[in-house]
Protein backbone atom coordinates (compact mmCIF):
# COMPACT_ATOMS: atom_id res chain seq x y z
CA MET A 1 119.05 46.50 55.23
CA ARG A 2 119.87 43.52 56.72
CA LYS A 3 120.41 41.40 53.49
CA TRP A 4 123.14 43.91 52.52
CA LEU A 5 125.02 42.60 55.61
CA PRO A 6 127.10 39.81 53.79
CA LEU A 7 127.52 42.50 50.75
CA VAL A 8 129.24 44.64 53.09
CA ALA A 9 131.39 41.72 54.54
CA ILE A 10 132.36 40.80 51.33
CA CYS A 11 132.98 44.02 49.97
CA LEU A 12 135.53 45.31 53.34
CA GLY A 13 137.66 42.28 52.03
CA THR A 14 137.57 43.27 48.27
CA PHE A 15 138.44 46.93 49.26
CA MET A 16 141.22 45.86 51.35
CA LEU A 17 142.87 43.97 48.88
CA LEU A 18 142.54 45.85 45.80
CA VAL A 19 143.38 49.08 47.83
CA ASP A 20 146.98 47.47 48.77
CA ILE A 21 147.35 46.92 44.74
CA THR A 22 147.88 50.94 44.33
CA ILE A 23 148.22 51.93 48.12
CA VAL A 24 152.21 51.11 47.59
CA THR A 25 152.31 53.96 44.62
CA VAL A 26 152.85 57.23 46.43
CA ALA A 27 155.11 55.28 48.91
CA LEU A 28 157.56 54.03 46.39
CA PRO A 29 159.92 56.80 47.27
CA ASP A 30 159.91 56.63 50.91
CA ILE A 31 160.63 52.79 50.69
CA ALA A 32 163.30 52.94 48.66
CA THR A 33 164.80 55.35 50.75
CA SER A 34 164.18 53.18 53.98
CA LEU A 35 165.16 49.78 52.54
CA ASP A 36 167.84 50.89 50.04
CA ALA A 37 165.65 49.35 47.13
CA SER A 38 166.40 49.58 43.54
CA PHE A 39 164.18 50.50 40.98
CA SER A 40 163.51 46.92 40.01
CA ASP A 41 162.77 45.90 43.93
CA LEU A 42 160.01 48.55 43.66
CA GLN A 43 158.79 46.91 40.34
CA TRP A 44 158.58 43.77 42.32
CA VAL A 45 156.96 45.03 45.49
CA MET A 46 154.35 45.97 43.43
CA ASP A 47 154.52 42.96 40.54
CA VAL A 48 154.40 40.25 42.94
CA TYR A 49 151.48 41.02 44.78
CA ALA A 50 149.15 41.26 41.39
CA LEU A 51 151.31 38.13 40.14
CA ALA A 52 150.17 35.76 42.93
CA LEU A 53 146.38 37.28 42.68
CA ALA A 54 146.23 36.31 38.76
CA ALA A 55 148.41 32.69 39.46
CA LEU A 56 146.57 31.49 42.39
CA LEU A 57 143.03 32.75 41.72
CA LEU A 58 141.26 29.94 39.58
CA GLY A 59 143.03 27.44 41.74
CA ALA A 60 141.73 29.09 44.87
CA GLY A 61 138.44 29.07 43.32
CA ALA A 62 138.20 25.46 43.00
CA ILE A 63 139.33 24.68 46.50
CA ALA A 64 136.65 27.27 47.59
CA ASP A 65 134.14 24.71 45.69
CA LEU A 66 135.03 21.65 47.84
CA ARG A 67 136.45 23.30 51.04
CA GLY A 68 133.60 25.80 51.46
CA GLN A 69 133.43 29.16 50.12
CA ARG A 70 133.19 30.95 53.52
CA ARG A 71 136.26 29.16 54.92
CA VAL A 72 138.51 29.86 51.88
CA TYR A 73 137.57 33.69 52.35
CA LEU A 74 138.11 33.69 56.01
CA GLY A 75 141.23 31.69 55.51
CA GLY A 76 142.51 34.39 53.44
CA LEU A 77 141.66 37.06 55.46
CA ILE A 78 143.76 35.56 57.98
CA LEU A 79 147.00 35.10 55.92
CA PHE A 80 146.53 38.27 54.19
CA ALA A 81 146.51 39.98 57.76
CA VAL A 82 149.87 38.67 59.14
CA ALA A 83 151.37 38.89 55.35
CA SER A 84 150.61 42.67 55.90
CA LEU A 85 151.79 42.35 59.50
CA ALA A 86 155.06 40.85 58.01
CA CYS A 87 154.89 43.74 55.40
CA GLY A 88 154.68 46.69 57.82
CA LEU A 89 157.95 45.28 60.02
CA ALA A 90 159.91 44.39 57.12
CA PRO A 91 163.66 45.00 57.91
CA GLY A 92 164.58 45.03 53.67
CA ALA A 93 163.38 44.77 50.45
CA GLY A 94 163.49 41.40 50.05
CA THR A 95 161.37 40.69 53.18
CA LEU A 96 159.09 43.24 51.83
CA VAL A 97 158.67 41.03 48.54
CA VAL A 98 158.33 37.89 50.05
CA ALA A 99 155.81 39.35 52.34
CA ARG A 100 154.10 40.90 49.66
CA GLY A 101 153.86 37.65 47.84
CA MET A 102 151.98 36.66 50.64
CA GLN A 103 149.62 39.09 50.44
CA GLY A 104 148.58 38.30 47.26
CA ILE A 105 148.04 34.51 48.17
CA GLY A 106 145.93 35.25 50.91
CA GLY A 107 144.06 38.36 48.60
CA ALA A 108 143.41 35.30 45.93
CA ALA A 109 141.65 32.89 48.44
CA MET A 110 139.60 36.06 48.94
CA PHE A 111 139.11 37.85 45.65
CA ALA A 112 138.31 34.40 44.03
CA THR A 113 135.12 33.61 46.34
CA THR A 114 133.87 37.17 46.29
CA MET A 115 131.76 36.97 43.05
CA ALA A 116 130.45 33.48 43.68
CA LEU A 117 129.65 34.44 47.43
CA ILE A 118 127.50 37.20 45.82
CA ALA A 119 125.94 35.15 43.23
CA SER A 120 125.04 32.87 45.95
CA THR A 121 123.54 35.24 48.00
CA TYR A 122 121.60 36.92 45.72
CA ARG A 123 119.28 37.01 43.22
CA GLY A 124 117.12 38.79 40.68
CA ARG A 125 117.10 42.84 40.51
CA ASP A 126 119.39 42.76 44.01
CA LEU A 127 121.86 40.73 42.49
CA GLY A 128 122.39 43.04 39.58
CA VAL A 129 122.61 45.99 42.48
CA ALA A 130 124.97 43.83 44.24
CA PHE A 131 127.21 43.52 41.20
CA GLY A 132 126.94 46.88 40.68
CA ILE A 133 128.08 48.24 44.23
CA TRP A 134 131.04 44.89 44.05
CA GLY A 135 131.94 46.59 40.80
CA ALA A 136 132.03 50.43 42.42
CA VAL A 137 134.40 49.18 45.23
CA ASN A 138 136.42 47.60 42.68
CA GLY A 139 136.66 50.84 40.26
CA ALA A 140 137.13 53.01 43.32
CA ALA A 141 139.46 50.79 45.55
CA ALA A 142 142.79 50.78 43.52
CA ALA A 143 141.71 54.35 42.10
CA ILE A 144 141.37 55.54 45.94
CA GLY A 145 144.67 53.50 46.99
CA PRO A 146 147.12 56.18 46.36
CA VAL A 147 144.95 58.71 48.34
CA LEU A 148 145.29 56.77 51.42
CA GLY A 149 148.65 55.54 50.78
CA GLY A 150 149.48 59.26 50.58
CA LEU A 151 147.90 60.32 53.94
CA LEU A 152 149.13 57.30 55.86
CA THR A 153 153.03 57.90 54.41
CA GLU A 154 153.40 61.41 54.66
CA HIS A 155 151.32 61.86 58.41
CA VAL A 156 152.61 58.50 59.88
CA SER A 157 154.93 55.87 58.02
CA TRP A 158 155.15 53.98 54.60
CA ARG A 159 154.92 51.30 57.49
CA ALA A 160 151.21 52.26 58.02
CA ILE A 161 149.51 51.17 54.57
CA PHE A 162 150.28 47.76 55.32
CA LEU A 163 149.61 47.71 59.20
CA VAL A 164 146.55 49.62 58.76
CA ASN A 165 144.80 46.21 57.50
CA LEU A 166 145.20 44.33 60.64
CA PRO A 167 141.76 46.25 62.41
CA VAL A 168 140.09 46.01 58.86
CA SER A 169 140.81 42.05 58.53
CA VAL A 170 139.35 41.86 62.12
CA ALA A 171 136.03 43.94 61.25
CA ALA A 172 135.96 41.90 58.08
CA ALA A 173 136.19 38.49 59.53
CA ALA A 174 133.82 39.15 62.32
CA LEU A 175 131.16 39.94 59.93
CA THR A 176 131.85 37.13 57.66
CA LEU A 177 131.18 34.73 60.46
CA ALA A 178 127.99 36.84 61.98
CA VAL A 179 126.16 36.96 58.32
CA VAL A 180 127.65 35.42 55.55
CA GLY A 181 126.56 31.60 55.14
CA GLU A 182 128.44 28.59 53.94
CA PHE A 183 128.34 27.46 50.74
CA ARG A 184 130.09 24.33 49.18
CA ARG A 185 130.50 21.64 46.47
CA PRO A 186 131.75 18.78 48.25
CA ASP A 187 131.55 16.27 45.13
CA GLY A 188 133.12 18.76 42.85
CA PRO A 189 136.43 18.17 40.87
CA ARG A 190 139.74 18.04 42.19
CA VAL A 191 142.00 21.12 41.91
CA ASP A 192 144.04 21.42 38.62
CA LEU A 193 147.80 21.30 40.32
CA ALA A 194 149.65 21.08 37.29
CA GLY A 195 147.67 24.20 35.68
CA THR A 196 148.20 26.22 38.17
CA VAL A 197 151.75 24.95 38.58
CA THR A 198 152.63 26.04 34.53
CA PHE A 199 150.59 28.75 34.57
CA THR A 200 152.34 30.65 37.57
CA VAL A 201 155.82 30.07 35.93
CA SER A 202 154.90 31.22 32.80
CA ALA A 203 153.14 34.67 34.08
CA ALA A 204 156.00 35.16 36.22
CA ALA A 205 158.85 34.02 34.05
CA LEU A 206 157.20 35.92 31.78
CA VAL A 207 157.24 39.54 33.95
CA TYR A 208 160.53 38.71 35.38
CA GLY A 209 162.07 38.72 31.90
CA LEU A 210 160.35 42.33 31.55
CA ILE A 211 161.68 43.68 34.25
CA ARG A 212 165.07 42.26 33.73
CA ALA A 213 165.06 43.31 30.33
CA GLY A 214 165.09 46.87 31.59
CA GLU A 215 168.39 46.39 33.63
CA HIS A 216 170.35 44.06 31.48
CA GLY A 217 168.67 44.20 27.67
CA TRP A 218 166.78 42.16 25.78
CA GLY A 219 169.52 40.59 24.39
CA SER A 220 171.06 39.35 27.68
CA ALA A 221 170.96 35.37 28.13
CA GLY A 222 168.90 35.47 31.47
CA THR A 223 166.68 37.56 29.48
CA LEU A 224 166.14 35.69 27.25
CA GLY A 225 165.72 32.26 29.42
CA LEU A 226 163.25 33.54 31.53
CA PHE A 227 161.23 34.40 28.06
CA ALA A 228 161.87 31.21 26.88
CA LEU A 229 161.14 29.43 29.94
CA SER A 230 157.64 31.32 30.09
CA ALA A 231 156.65 30.04 26.55
CA VAL A 232 157.50 26.26 27.42
CA ALA A 233 155.23 26.60 30.57
CA LEU A 234 152.58 28.12 28.80
CA VAL A 235 153.00 25.55 25.76
CA LEU A 236 152.67 22.63 28.81
CA PHE A 237 149.72 24.40 30.55
CA LEU A 238 147.83 24.54 27.22
CA MET A 239 149.04 20.48 26.80
CA VAL A 240 147.41 20.30 30.41
CA GLU A 241 144.27 21.86 30.29
CA SER A 242 143.81 20.17 26.88
CA ARG A 243 143.37 16.87 28.47
CA ILE A 244 142.41 16.32 31.95
CA PRO A 245 138.47 15.85 32.66
CA HIS A 246 138.33 18.94 34.77
CA PRO A 247 140.52 21.81 33.89
CA LEU A 248 141.70 25.46 35.75
CA LEU A 249 140.83 26.72 32.72
CA GLU A 250 138.48 25.19 29.86
CA LEU A 251 140.18 26.29 26.67
CA GLY A 252 136.77 25.71 24.78
CA LEU A 253 135.58 29.03 25.93
CA PHE A 254 138.04 30.85 24.06
CA ARG A 255 135.82 29.58 21.17
CA ARG A 256 133.49 32.44 22.57
CA GLY A 257 133.79 35.83 21.26
CA GLY A 258 132.15 37.63 24.27
CA PHE A 259 134.18 35.61 26.77
CA VAL A 260 137.35 36.79 24.61
CA ALA A 261 136.25 40.39 24.46
CA ALA A 262 135.70 40.41 28.12
CA LEU A 263 139.35 39.05 29.26
CA ILE A 264 140.88 41.29 26.67
CA ALA A 265 139.50 44.45 28.23
CA GLY A 266 139.85 43.23 31.75
CA LEU A 267 143.68 43.05 30.95
CA THR A 268 144.06 46.06 29.29
CA LEU A 269 141.94 47.93 31.62
CA SER A 270 144.17 47.67 34.26
CA ALA A 271 147.22 47.88 32.50
CA ALA A 272 146.06 51.07 30.86
CA ALA A 273 144.08 52.61 33.54
CA PHE A 274 145.61 51.39 36.89
CA SER A 275 149.79 50.52 36.22
CA VAL A 276 150.54 53.82 34.79
CA LEU A 277 149.78 55.62 38.11
CA THR A 278 152.57 54.44 39.60
CA PHE A 279 154.97 56.12 37.29
CA THR A 280 152.92 59.36 37.47
CA SER A 281 153.32 59.04 41.21
CA VAL A 282 157.23 59.10 40.65
CA TRP A 283 156.99 62.19 38.14
CA LEU A 284 154.53 63.71 40.91
CA GLN A 285 157.02 63.32 43.89
CA ALA A 286 160.28 62.86 42.45
CA VAL A 287 160.35 65.87 39.75
CA LEU A 288 157.83 68.26 41.16
CA GLY A 289 158.62 67.42 44.68
CA HIS A 290 154.65 67.05 46.10
CA GLY A 291 154.53 64.99 49.04
CA PRO A 292 152.66 61.57 49.41
CA VAL A 293 149.23 62.97 49.97
CA ARG A 294 149.50 65.72 47.43
CA ALA A 295 150.67 63.26 44.84
CA GLY A 296 147.71 61.22 46.18
CA LEU A 297 145.08 63.72 45.96
CA ALA A 298 146.23 64.78 42.46
CA MET A 299 144.65 60.73 41.19
CA LEU A 300 141.71 61.35 43.24
CA PRO A 301 139.18 62.57 40.46
CA MET A 302 140.02 58.94 38.50
CA ALA A 303 138.74 57.31 42.04
CA LEU A 304 135.80 59.68 42.57
CA ALA A 305 134.45 59.15 39.07
CA ALA A 306 135.22 55.16 39.11
CA PHE A 307 133.45 54.88 42.58
CA VAL A 308 129.77 57.18 41.06
CA VAL A 309 129.77 55.96 37.84
CA ALA A 310 129.94 52.09 38.80
CA GLY A 311 127.84 52.97 41.81
CA LEU A 312 125.23 54.04 39.36
CA GLY A 313 125.69 51.35 36.72
CA GLY A 314 124.84 48.70 39.21
CA ARG A 315 121.33 49.96 39.04
CA PHE A 316 121.00 49.48 35.23
CA LEU A 317 122.92 46.49 34.64
CA HIS A 318 119.88 44.29 33.76
CA ALA A 319 118.92 46.95 30.79
CA ALA A 320 122.47 47.83 29.33
CA SER A 321 124.28 45.82 27.10
CA PRO A 322 127.57 44.77 28.43
CA ARG A 323 128.87 45.55 24.67
CA LEU A 324 128.47 48.81 24.70
CA THR A 325 129.04 49.82 28.45
CA ILE A 326 132.55 47.70 28.25
CA GLY A 327 133.25 49.13 24.50
CA VAL A 328 132.25 53.14 25.28
CA GLY A 329 134.30 52.60 28.65
CA MET A 330 137.51 51.48 27.42
CA LEU A 331 136.94 53.86 24.69
CA LEU A 332 136.75 56.54 27.53
CA VAL A 333 140.28 54.92 29.15
CA GLY A 334 141.46 55.68 25.87
CA ALA A 335 140.51 59.50 25.28
CA GLY A 336 141.40 60.10 29.20
CA SER A 337 145.09 58.67 28.46
CA VAL A 338 145.19 60.41 25.04
CA ALA A 339 144.82 63.92 27.08
CA LEU A 340 147.37 62.78 29.81
CA SER A 341 149.82 61.83 27.03
CA ARG A 342 150.49 65.75 26.30
CA LEU A 343 152.55 66.23 29.30
CA ASP A 344 155.54 68.06 29.15
CA ALA A 345 157.93 70.29 31.06
CA GLY A 346 155.70 72.89 31.91
CA SER A 347 152.96 70.32 33.54
CA ASP A 348 152.11 70.13 36.59
CA SER A 349 149.55 68.29 38.84
CA GLY A 350 146.67 70.21 37.27
CA SER A 351 147.43 68.79 34.12
CA LEU A 352 146.10 65.40 35.07
CA GLN A 353 142.59 66.16 36.00
CA LEU A 354 140.66 66.01 32.75
CA GLY A 355 142.71 62.82 31.35
CA LEU A 356 141.98 61.35 34.95
CA LEU A 357 138.40 62.10 35.05
CA VAL A 358 137.79 60.64 31.84
CA THR A 359 139.59 57.54 32.34
CA GLY A 360 137.70 57.50 35.60
CA ILE A 361 134.31 57.76 33.94
CA GLY A 362 135.83 54.77 31.51
CA VAL A 363 136.27 52.56 34.30
CA GLY A 364 133.62 52.99 36.30
CA LEU A 365 131.32 51.99 33.24
CA ALA A 366 133.46 49.17 32.02
CA ILE A 367 134.36 47.38 35.55
CA PRO A 368 130.32 46.35 36.31
CA ALA A 369 129.41 44.96 33.08
CA LEU A 370 132.75 43.07 32.39
CA SER A 371 131.79 40.68 35.28
CA ALA A 372 128.20 40.23 33.75
CA ALA A 373 129.62 39.94 30.37
CA ALA A 374 132.21 37.12 31.44
CA MET A 375 129.73 35.04 33.24
CA SER A 376 126.60 35.47 30.57
CA ALA A 377 129.28 34.61 27.59
CA VAL A 378 129.64 30.80 29.24
CA PRO A 379 127.39 28.25 29.77
CA PRO A 380 126.00 28.44 33.32
CA GLN A 381 128.22 25.80 35.08
CA ARG A 382 131.29 27.40 33.81
CA GLY A 383 129.89 30.96 34.94
CA GLY A 384 132.47 30.37 38.24
CA MET A 385 135.40 29.69 35.50
CA ALA A 386 134.78 32.48 33.79
CA ALA A 387 134.76 35.10 36.52
CA GLY A 388 137.72 33.69 38.13
CA ALA A 389 139.33 33.81 34.41
CA LEU A 390 138.50 37.44 34.51
CA ASN A 391 139.94 38.48 37.52
CA THR A 392 142.85 36.55 37.05
CA PHE A 393 143.91 38.71 33.96
CA ARG A 394 143.05 41.58 35.21
CA GLN A 395 145.85 40.91 37.85
CA LEU A 396 148.32 39.66 35.27
CA GLY A 397 147.13 42.93 33.39
CA PHE A 398 148.49 45.22 36.32
CA ALA A 399 151.30 43.08 36.53
CA LEU A 400 152.30 43.33 32.88
CA GLY A 401 151.31 47.09 32.87
CA ILE A 402 154.37 48.01 35.44
CA ALA A 403 156.65 45.34 33.94
CA VAL A 404 156.30 47.05 30.45
CA PHE A 405 155.36 50.62 31.18
CA GLY A 406 158.18 50.64 33.51
CA LEU A 407 160.43 49.34 31.06
CA LEU A 408 159.12 51.95 28.68
CA PHE A 409 159.39 54.50 31.08
CA HIS A 410 162.88 54.03 32.28
CA ASN A 411 164.34 53.45 28.74
CA GLY A 412 162.72 57.21 27.42
CA ILE A 413 163.90 59.11 30.34
CA ARG A 414 167.67 57.40 29.81
CA ASP A 415 167.26 58.23 26.00
CA GLN A 416 166.07 61.77 26.37
CA LEU A 417 168.59 62.35 29.06
CA SER A 418 172.12 60.99 26.83
CA GLY A 419 173.78 63.73 26.51
CA HIS A 420 172.70 65.94 29.09
CA VAL A 421 174.16 63.61 32.00
CA ALA A 422 177.08 61.46 32.37
CA ASN A 423 175.35 58.30 33.34
CA PRO A 424 171.66 58.45 32.27
CA ASP A 425 171.04 54.89 33.02
CA THR A 426 171.74 55.42 36.56
CA VAL A 427 170.04 58.65 36.50
CA ALA A 428 166.90 57.09 35.43
CA ALA A 429 167.15 54.29 37.67
CA ALA A 430 167.47 56.99 40.69
CA ILE A 431 164.15 58.57 39.00
CA GLY A 432 162.31 55.86 39.37
CA GLN A 433 163.07 55.58 43.17
CA GLY A 434 162.20 58.78 43.32
CA GLN A 435 165.24 60.21 44.32
CA ALA A 436 165.81 62.64 41.39
CA ALA A 437 165.96 65.98 43.32
CA ARG A 438 169.20 64.11 45.73
CA ASP A 439 170.89 62.10 43.55
CA VAL A 440 171.78 64.36 40.26
CA PRO A 441 173.68 66.99 39.26
CA PRO A 442 171.91 70.60 39.93
CA ALA A 443 172.80 71.41 36.04
CA ALA A 444 170.89 68.27 34.72
CA LEU A 445 167.60 69.38 36.74
CA SER A 446 165.76 71.33 33.90
CA ALA A 447 166.97 68.19 31.45
CA ILE A 448 165.08 66.09 34.48
CA ARG A 449 162.18 67.97 34.18
CA ALA A 450 161.46 67.84 30.48
CA ALA A 451 162.92 64.62 30.16
CA VAL A 452 160.59 62.71 33.32
CA PRO A 453 156.62 64.13 32.04
CA THR A 454 157.79 63.73 28.63
CA SER A 455 158.50 59.85 29.20
CA LEU A 456 155.24 59.69 30.65
CA GLY A 457 153.04 61.04 27.96
CA ASP A 458 154.66 58.33 26.13
CA VAL A 459 153.66 55.93 28.29
CA TYR A 460 149.84 57.45 28.51
CA LEU A 461 149.98 57.33 24.86
CA ILE A 462 150.82 53.25 24.41
CA ALA A 463 148.22 53.27 26.92
CA ALA A 464 145.99 55.13 24.86
CA ILE A 465 146.54 52.81 21.82
CA VAL A 466 146.27 49.81 23.82
CA ALA A 467 142.88 50.91 25.24
CA PHE A 468 141.25 51.95 21.86
CA ALA A 469 142.52 48.51 20.49
CA ALA A 470 140.36 46.75 23.26
CA GLY A 471 137.55 48.82 22.84
CA ILE A 472 137.13 48.01 19.35
CA ALA A 473 137.66 44.79 20.07
CA VAL A 474 135.12 44.65 22.21
CA PHE A 475 132.72 45.88 19.43
CA VAL A 476 133.97 43.24 16.92
CA LEU A 477 134.28 40.03 19.00
CA MET A 478 130.97 40.72 21.90
CA PRO A 479 127.59 39.87 20.58
CA ARG A 480 124.83 42.36 20.22
CA ALA A 481 122.78 40.58 23.22
CA VAL A 482 123.93 38.89 26.18
CA ALA A 483 122.03 36.67 27.96
CA HIS A 484 120.64 38.23 31.17
CA LEU A 485 123.24 37.61 34.44
CA ALA A 486 120.20 36.55 36.51
CA GLU A 487 119.35 34.32 33.54
CA ASN A 488 122.85 32.39 33.37
CA ALA A 489 122.46 31.63 37.05
CA GLN A 490 120.33 28.79 38.32
CA PRO A 491 116.94 29.46 39.32
CA ALA A 492 116.73 31.23 42.76
CA ASP A 493 114.21 27.51 44.11
CA GLY A 494 115.37 25.45 42.62
CA ARG A 495 119.13 23.42 43.14
CA SER A 496 121.84 22.85 41.09
CA ALA A 497 122.69 18.71 40.41
CA ASP A 498 126.35 19.60 41.04
CA VAL A 499 125.52 21.12 44.80
CA GLN A 500 124.76 19.45 47.68
CA PRO A 501 123.00 21.05 50.24
CA ALA A 502 124.18 22.11 53.88
CA ASP A 503 121.50 22.19 55.64
CA GLY A 504 118.47 21.04 53.55
CA ARG A 505 117.30 24.70 53.02
CA SER A 506 116.67 26.01 49.04
CA ALA A 507 117.85 29.42 48.12
CA ASP A 508 114.71 31.31 49.12
CA GLY A 509 114.99 30.06 52.85
CA ARG A 510 112.79 27.42 52.68
CA SER A 511 112.68 24.30 54.34
CA ALA A 512 112.63 21.01 52.33
CA ALA A 513 109.22 20.81 53.29
CA GLY A 514 108.73 23.89 51.76
CA ARG A 515 107.92 25.90 55.07
CA PRO A 516 109.50 29.35 55.17
CA ASP A 517 112.57 29.58 57.25
CA ASP A 518 110.86 32.56 59.72
CA GLY A 519 114.15 35.02 60.42
CA GLN A 520 116.40 33.64 57.63
CA SER A 521 117.61 36.46 55.12
CA ALA A 522 119.88 36.53 52.43
CA GLY A 523 122.81 36.55 54.65
CA GLY A 524 122.00 34.34 57.42
CA LYS A 525 120.25 34.08 60.51
CA SER A 526 118.26 36.69 62.36
CA ASP A 527 120.02 35.76 65.27
CA GLY A 528 123.46 36.79 63.86
CA ALA A 529 124.90 33.48 64.03
CA PRO A 530 125.77 32.07 60.60
CA ARG A 531 124.35 29.12 58.87
CA ASP A 532 125.02 27.36 56.16
CA THR A 533 122.45 28.07 53.10
CA ASP A 534 121.46 25.86 50.49
CA ARG A 535 122.54 28.01 47.54
CA PRO A 536 122.73 26.22 44.16
CA VAL A 537 125.96 28.60 42.75
CA THR A 538 129.32 27.59 43.60
CA HIS A 539 132.75 29.26 41.79
CA ALA A 540 132.04 26.14 38.87
CA ASP A 541 128.24 26.94 39.13
CA ILE A 542 127.39 30.58 39.15
């Protein structure tokens, strides 16, 4: 069992950083009340975290190759813990948004190294099992966030959803120091700073423009200026990446259909399956009057289904076709969203269960296979870049989902309330803050009870269309036969030419002379002390 301790250390950090994407969902009404936050403030509390993850994942992976994967992972843990403390103590919405951004930076450092650490530590069938468990953690963490957030918010405080990260961070750091080896590539390429900056500006300006459009309209000068800035930054990013010898993201990879299909699925999965939960929680609390715990529990079927299916799927990772599992998974997410699109004035939390269950099954099928498909679709020396791009697109999908679906949700409520209330835009904003019952006239409550679930159903219908389109794209673009994940990694008993040994040991625990290193497990020495290990896999060379 000791060989799985490194996976436990890695998954602890992964679980924590992914839970924090959605744990805030059910706490938004309490945050709005406590900090006097607007609807756009609440969108930024959700979005800035995912944006930081998306923008910095690839750059953090390159730094990890140069400075050491375990070192960067631990640094991310420390920053994440400090930022979580700042979130828990935030006196205002602005401070909370900044602290959430710092959380995202720490999360990027952790997330950028998790797949490379797993691929450096395990081989063969163990690698498939490890990725299956990691995928189960991915699928369950984001979905279980609302449940955990509800328990902490209702029984302690909304601040506890951030402060709970402190003991988990300490445990993850201690276990990492004890059992995870160090892997690095000291002769690797320099970090692509220009690519990181231009990509960050493009993504942030796009999301900010979408959020601003909900408040000031599509035609306002500020909104159009942000979209223009995003476009210019994207062009600059493409120019930079096409000209430098070691780009953040090699543009030639986009000529590979399997790689493109994996990115499309990753982006749309996060948007269609997870970002909509934010607005589902608003309906449950602001309109139906559920407390945070009940709202979180209403979304539990998705978490359970994703966890069980992804965990079982890892056992069949070597045999199943990623094209089939990802494609079917996305179609199931679409089917679940169709079921959820039927919400109306007579719906309650029970109306969510079937749709969330089907969506969770789709999530559990798709997530583990996404990792295999992205890395197997590219040359072995670009596996880490592909993994980083996949994780980047997944977080970008969540950020865009919050912005786009938030805009549609707000505008849908506003349009349906026109003629029923004096200021529908103000009422729609109040609903978005979870304050509908308190901030609207009693005579308008019946109109709100019809408008909110109907608007939410429309959002789910659009999410279904997006998921169906992604599923079709996977079947069209992804090859029927995808290279075996373990074959795309370097052999376990050989060294990559790009990697320097940290202590003269090969990946199977033998010394340079070929003598077995007694007591050396996949994760480190039997005495519990960490040891640098000559695994051939880095972020750029999975």
